N, C-alpha and C. Protein backbone atom coordinates (compact mmCIF):
# COMPACT_ATOMS: atom_id res chain seq x y z
N MET A 1 118.54 93.33 117.72
CA MET A 1 118.42 93.89 116.39
C MET A 1 117.81 92.87 115.43
N GLU A 2 118.14 91.61 115.65
CA GLU A 2 117.62 90.56 114.79
C GLU A 2 116.09 90.48 114.87
N ARG A 3 115.58 90.66 116.07
CA ARG A 3 114.13 90.63 116.28
C ARG A 3 113.46 91.80 115.55
N VAL A 4 114.10 92.96 115.57
CA VAL A 4 113.56 94.13 114.87
C VAL A 4 113.54 93.87 113.36
N LEU A 5 114.59 93.25 112.83
CA LEU A 5 114.63 92.97 111.40
C LEU A 5 113.55 91.96 111.00
N LYS A 6 113.31 90.95 111.85
CA LYS A 6 112.26 89.98 111.56
C LYS A 6 110.89 90.67 111.57
N PHE A 7 110.68 91.56 112.54
CA PHE A 7 109.42 92.29 112.62
C PHE A 7 109.26 93.20 111.40
N GLY A 8 110.34 93.86 111.01
CA GLY A 8 110.32 94.73 109.83
C GLY A 8 110.00 93.94 108.57
N ARG A 9 110.56 92.74 108.47
CA ARG A 9 110.30 91.89 107.32
C ARG A 9 108.82 91.48 107.29
N LEU A 10 108.28 91.16 108.46
CA LEU A 10 106.87 90.80 108.56
C LEU A 10 105.98 91.97 108.12
N ILE A 11 106.31 93.15 108.59
CA ILE A 11 105.54 94.35 108.20
C ILE A 11 105.66 94.59 106.70
N ALA A 12 106.86 94.41 106.16
CA ALA A 12 107.06 94.61 104.73
C ALA A 12 106.21 93.64 103.92
N TYR A 13 106.15 92.38 104.33
CA TYR A 13 105.32 91.40 103.62
C TYR A 13 103.84 91.75 103.74
N ALA A 14 103.43 92.23 104.90
CA ALA A 14 102.03 92.62 105.09
C ALA A 14 101.67 93.80 104.20
N VAL A 15 102.55 94.79 104.14
CA VAL A 15 102.29 95.96 103.29
C VAL A 15 102.30 95.55 101.82
N LEU A 16 103.23 94.66 101.45
CA LEU A 16 103.28 94.17 100.08
C LEU A 16 102.00 93.43 99.71
N ALA A 17 101.52 92.58 100.61
CA ALA A 17 100.27 91.85 100.36
C ALA A 17 99.11 92.83 100.20
N CYS A 18 99.05 93.84 101.06
CA CYS A 18 98.00 94.86 100.95
C CYS A 18 98.11 95.59 99.61
N GLY A 19 99.33 95.88 99.21
CA GLY A 19 99.54 96.57 97.93
C GLY A 19 99.06 95.74 96.75
N ILE A 20 99.34 94.44 96.80
CA ILE A 20 98.90 93.56 95.71
C ILE A 20 97.38 93.47 95.68
N VAL A 21 96.76 93.33 96.85
CA VAL A 21 95.30 93.27 96.91
C VAL A 21 94.69 94.58 96.43
N MET A 22 95.21 95.71 96.91
CA MET A 22 94.67 97.02 96.51
C MET A 22 94.86 97.25 95.01
N GLY A 23 96.02 96.90 94.49
CA GLY A 23 96.26 97.07 93.06
C GLY A 23 95.31 96.23 92.22
N THR A 24 95.12 94.97 92.63
CA THR A 24 94.21 94.09 91.92
C THR A 24 92.78 94.61 91.98
N LEU A 25 92.35 95.03 93.16
CA LEU A 25 91.00 95.60 93.30
C LEU A 25 90.84 96.85 92.45
N SER A 26 91.85 97.70 92.47
CA SER A 26 91.78 98.96 91.74
C SER A 26 91.68 98.72 90.25
N ILE A 27 92.55 97.88 89.73
CA ILE A 27 92.55 97.62 88.28
C ILE A 27 91.28 96.88 87.87
N GLY A 28 90.92 95.86 88.64
CA GLY A 28 89.72 95.09 88.31
C GLY A 28 88.46 95.93 88.35
N THR A 29 88.31 96.73 89.39
CA THR A 29 87.13 97.58 89.52
C THR A 29 87.10 98.63 88.42
N PHE A 30 88.25 99.21 88.12
CA PHE A 30 88.33 100.23 87.08
C PHE A 30 87.86 99.66 85.74
N TYR A 31 88.42 98.52 85.35
CA TYR A 31 88.06 97.95 84.05
C TYR A 31 86.64 97.38 84.04
N TYR A 32 86.13 96.97 85.18
CA TYR A 32 84.73 96.57 85.25
C TYR A 32 83.84 97.75 84.89
N HIS A 33 84.12 98.91 85.48
CA HIS A 33 83.31 100.09 85.22
C HIS A 33 83.47 100.57 83.78
N VAL A 34 84.69 100.51 83.25
CA VAL A 34 84.92 100.94 81.88
C VAL A 34 84.11 100.07 80.91
N GLY A 35 83.99 98.78 81.21
CA GLY A 35 83.27 97.89 80.31
C GLY A 35 81.77 97.87 80.51
N ASN A 36 81.28 98.30 81.67
CA ASN A 36 79.85 98.13 81.98
C ASN A 36 79.07 99.42 82.21
N ASN A 37 79.70 100.53 82.28
CA ASN A 37 78.99 101.78 82.55
C ASN A 37 78.77 102.57 81.27
N PRO A 38 77.78 103.48 81.28
CA PRO A 38 77.45 104.23 80.06
C PRO A 38 78.53 105.26 79.71
N SER A 39 78.61 105.55 78.41
CA SER A 39 79.59 106.53 77.94
C SER A 39 79.04 107.96 77.95
N LYS A 40 77.78 108.09 78.35
CA LYS A 40 77.16 109.42 78.51
C LYS A 40 76.53 109.46 79.90
N PRO A 41 76.51 110.63 80.54
CA PRO A 41 75.94 110.71 81.88
C PRO A 41 74.45 110.35 81.89
N VAL A 42 74.06 109.65 82.95
CA VAL A 42 72.65 109.27 83.14
C VAL A 42 72.23 109.82 84.51
N PRO A 43 71.74 111.07 84.55
CA PRO A 43 71.39 111.69 85.83
C PRO A 43 70.31 110.93 86.59
N ALA A 44 69.41 110.26 85.90
CA ALA A 44 68.34 109.53 86.58
C ALA A 44 68.90 108.40 87.45
N LEU A 45 70.02 107.81 87.05
CA LEU A 45 70.65 106.73 87.81
C LEU A 45 71.77 107.24 88.71
N GLY A 46 72.08 108.52 88.60
CA GLY A 46 73.16 109.10 89.40
C GLY A 46 74.54 108.88 88.81
N GLN A 47 74.60 108.40 87.57
CA GLN A 47 75.89 108.15 86.92
C GLN A 47 76.35 109.42 86.21
N VAL A 48 76.89 110.33 87.01
CA VAL A 48 77.29 111.63 86.48
C VAL A 48 78.77 111.94 86.74
N TYR A 49 79.50 111.03 87.39
CA TYR A 49 80.92 111.26 87.69
C TYR A 49 81.77 110.62 86.60
N PRO A 50 82.55 111.42 85.85
CA PRO A 50 83.32 110.86 84.74
C PRO A 50 84.51 110.04 85.24
N LEU A 51 84.76 108.94 84.53
CA LEU A 51 85.91 108.08 84.78
C LEU A 51 86.67 108.00 83.46
N ASP A 52 87.90 108.50 83.45
CA ASP A 52 88.68 108.62 82.22
C ASP A 52 89.59 107.40 82.04
N ASN A 53 89.52 106.79 80.88
CA ASN A 53 90.43 105.71 80.52
C ASN A 53 91.12 106.10 79.22
N HIS A 54 92.20 106.85 79.34
CA HIS A 54 92.99 107.31 78.19
C HIS A 54 92.11 108.01 77.15
N GLY A 55 91.25 108.90 77.61
CA GLY A 55 90.42 109.69 76.72
C GLY A 55 89.03 109.15 76.49
N THR A 56 88.78 107.91 76.90
CA THR A 56 87.44 107.33 76.81
C THR A 56 86.78 107.49 78.16
N PHE A 57 85.64 108.16 78.18
CA PHE A 57 84.96 108.43 79.45
C PHE A 57 83.75 107.53 79.62
N VAL A 58 83.59 107.04 80.85
CA VAL A 58 82.35 106.40 81.27
C VAL A 58 81.91 107.12 82.54
N TYR A 59 80.67 106.94 82.92
CA TYR A 59 80.13 107.67 84.05
C TYR A 59 79.70 106.70 85.15
N VAL A 60 80.10 107.05 86.38
CA VAL A 60 79.82 106.20 87.54
C VAL A 60 79.01 107.00 88.57
N THR A 61 78.46 106.28 89.54
CA THR A 61 77.70 106.94 90.61
C THR A 61 78.67 107.54 91.62
N GLN A 62 78.15 108.30 92.56
CA GLN A 62 78.99 108.92 93.59
C GLN A 62 79.67 107.86 94.44
N GLU A 63 78.95 106.80 94.82
CA GLU A 63 79.53 105.75 95.65
C GLU A 63 80.68 105.05 94.92
N GLU A 64 80.47 104.76 93.64
CA GLU A 64 81.52 104.11 92.85
C GLU A 64 82.73 105.03 92.70
N HIS A 65 82.45 106.31 92.49
CA HIS A 65 83.53 107.30 92.36
C HIS A 65 84.37 107.38 93.64
N GLU A 66 83.68 107.45 94.79
CA GLU A 66 84.40 107.52 96.07
C GLU A 66 85.21 106.26 96.33
N TYR A 67 84.67 105.09 95.98
CA TYR A 67 85.39 103.84 96.16
C TYR A 67 86.65 103.79 95.29
N LEU A 68 86.51 104.21 94.03
CA LEU A 68 87.68 104.23 93.14
C LEU A 68 88.74 105.22 93.63
N GLU A 69 88.31 106.36 94.15
CA GLU A 69 89.27 107.33 94.70
C GLU A 69 89.97 106.76 95.93
N TRP A 70 89.23 106.06 96.78
CA TRP A 70 89.82 105.44 97.97
C TRP A 70 90.88 104.42 97.56
N LEU A 71 90.58 103.61 96.55
CA LEU A 71 91.57 102.63 96.07
C LEU A 71 92.79 103.33 95.50
N ARG A 72 92.57 104.41 94.77
CA ARG A 72 93.69 105.14 94.17
C ARG A 72 94.59 105.75 95.25
N LEU A 73 93.99 106.33 96.28
CA LEU A 73 94.78 106.92 97.36
C LEU A 73 95.57 105.86 98.11
N ASN A 74 94.95 104.71 98.36
CA ASN A 74 95.67 103.64 99.04
C ASN A 74 96.84 103.15 98.21
N ARG A 75 96.67 103.14 96.91
CA ARG A 75 97.78 102.73 96.03
C ARG A 75 98.95 103.69 96.18
N TYR A 76 98.66 104.97 96.33
CA TYR A 76 99.73 105.95 96.47
C TYR A 76 100.35 105.95 97.87
N LEU A 77 99.69 105.36 98.83
CA LEU A 77 100.26 105.25 100.18
C LEU A 77 101.09 103.97 100.35
N VAL A 78 100.70 102.90 99.67
CA VAL A 78 101.39 101.63 99.84
C VAL A 78 102.78 101.67 99.22
N LEU A 79 102.93 102.25 98.05
CA LEU A 79 104.25 102.28 97.40
C LEU A 79 105.29 103.03 98.22
N PRO A 80 105.01 104.25 98.71
CA PRO A 80 106.01 104.91 99.56
C PRO A 80 106.29 104.13 100.84
N ALA A 81 105.28 103.48 101.39
CA ALA A 81 105.50 102.68 102.60
C ALA A 81 106.46 101.53 102.31
N LEU A 82 106.30 100.88 101.16
CA LEU A 82 107.21 99.80 100.79
C LEU A 82 108.64 100.29 100.60
N VAL A 83 108.78 101.44 99.95
CA VAL A 83 110.12 102.01 99.76
C VAL A 83 110.75 102.35 101.11
N PHE A 84 109.97 102.95 101.99
CA PHE A 84 110.47 103.31 103.32
C PHE A 84 110.92 102.07 104.09
N ILE A 85 110.10 101.03 104.07
CA ILE A 85 110.46 99.80 104.78
C ILE A 85 111.69 99.16 104.16
N PHE A 86 111.80 99.17 102.82
CA PHE A 86 112.98 98.62 102.16
C PHE A 86 114.24 99.35 102.57
N VAL A 87 114.17 100.69 102.62
CA VAL A 87 115.34 101.48 103.02
C VAL A 87 115.73 101.18 104.46
N LEU A 88 114.76 101.14 105.35
CA LEU A 88 115.07 100.81 106.75
C LEU A 88 115.66 99.42 106.88
N HIS A 89 115.12 98.49 106.14
CA HIS A 89 115.60 97.11 106.20
C HIS A 89 117.04 97.02 105.68
N SER A 90 117.32 97.69 104.57
CA SER A 90 118.68 97.63 104.01
C SER A 90 119.67 98.36 104.91
N MET A 91 119.25 99.44 105.58
CA MET A 91 120.14 100.12 106.53
C MET A 91 120.45 99.21 107.71
N GLY A 92 119.45 98.46 108.17
CA GLY A 92 119.67 97.53 109.27
C GLY A 92 120.62 96.41 108.89
N GLN A 93 120.54 95.92 107.67
CA GLN A 93 121.44 94.87 107.22
C GLN A 93 122.87 95.38 107.10
N ARG A 94 123.03 96.62 106.63
CA ARG A 94 124.39 97.19 106.52
C ARG A 94 125.03 97.36 107.88
N SER A 95 124.24 97.83 108.85
CA SER A 95 124.81 98.05 110.18
C SER A 95 125.15 96.72 110.85
N GLU A 96 124.43 95.66 110.49
CA GLU A 96 124.72 94.36 111.07
C GLU A 96 125.99 93.75 110.51
N LYS A 97 126.36 94.07 109.28
CA LYS A 97 127.55 93.49 108.66
C LYS A 97 128.81 93.88 109.41
N GLY A 98 128.88 95.11 109.89
CA GLY A 98 130.08 95.59 110.57
C GLY A 98 130.12 95.19 112.04
N ALA A 99 129.00 94.86 112.62
CA ALA A 99 128.95 94.55 114.06
C ALA A 99 129.32 93.08 114.29
N PRO A 100 130.08 92.82 115.36
CA PRO A 100 130.41 91.44 115.66
C PRO A 100 129.17 90.67 116.10
N ARG A 101 129.13 89.39 115.77
CA ARG A 101 128.00 88.55 116.11
C ARG A 101 128.13 88.09 117.55
N VAL A 102 127.07 88.26 118.33
CA VAL A 102 127.07 87.87 119.74
C VAL A 102 126.21 86.63 119.88
N GLU A 103 126.78 85.58 120.43
CA GLU A 103 126.05 84.34 120.66
C GLU A 103 125.33 84.41 121.98
N ARG A 104 124.07 84.02 121.99
CA ARG A 104 123.31 84.00 123.23
C ARG A 104 123.19 82.57 123.72
N SER A 105 123.22 82.43 125.03
CA SER A 105 123.12 81.05 125.56
C SER A 105 121.74 80.77 126.08
């Protein structure tokens, strides 16, 4: 059981690291586009996909739009994964408290 908990902890740290990277990329990319893209659509450049920042719209290309959506979806997958791993980890710790410790030689 101890080996499973160590593996679970490793997975939790990996998912947490991915979440931090994805969150940073998402926020950084979002604010980069808000500061550098036009506030009106430019069909000649393909900047026709609206990006909303609390009522202020800028327009991005299809590739930028798909990338931002991919980051947003990953953000919504990482948080539930972290909660799930935390619950499994805490259940494993509770079950270990009641079990007698076995020494291995």
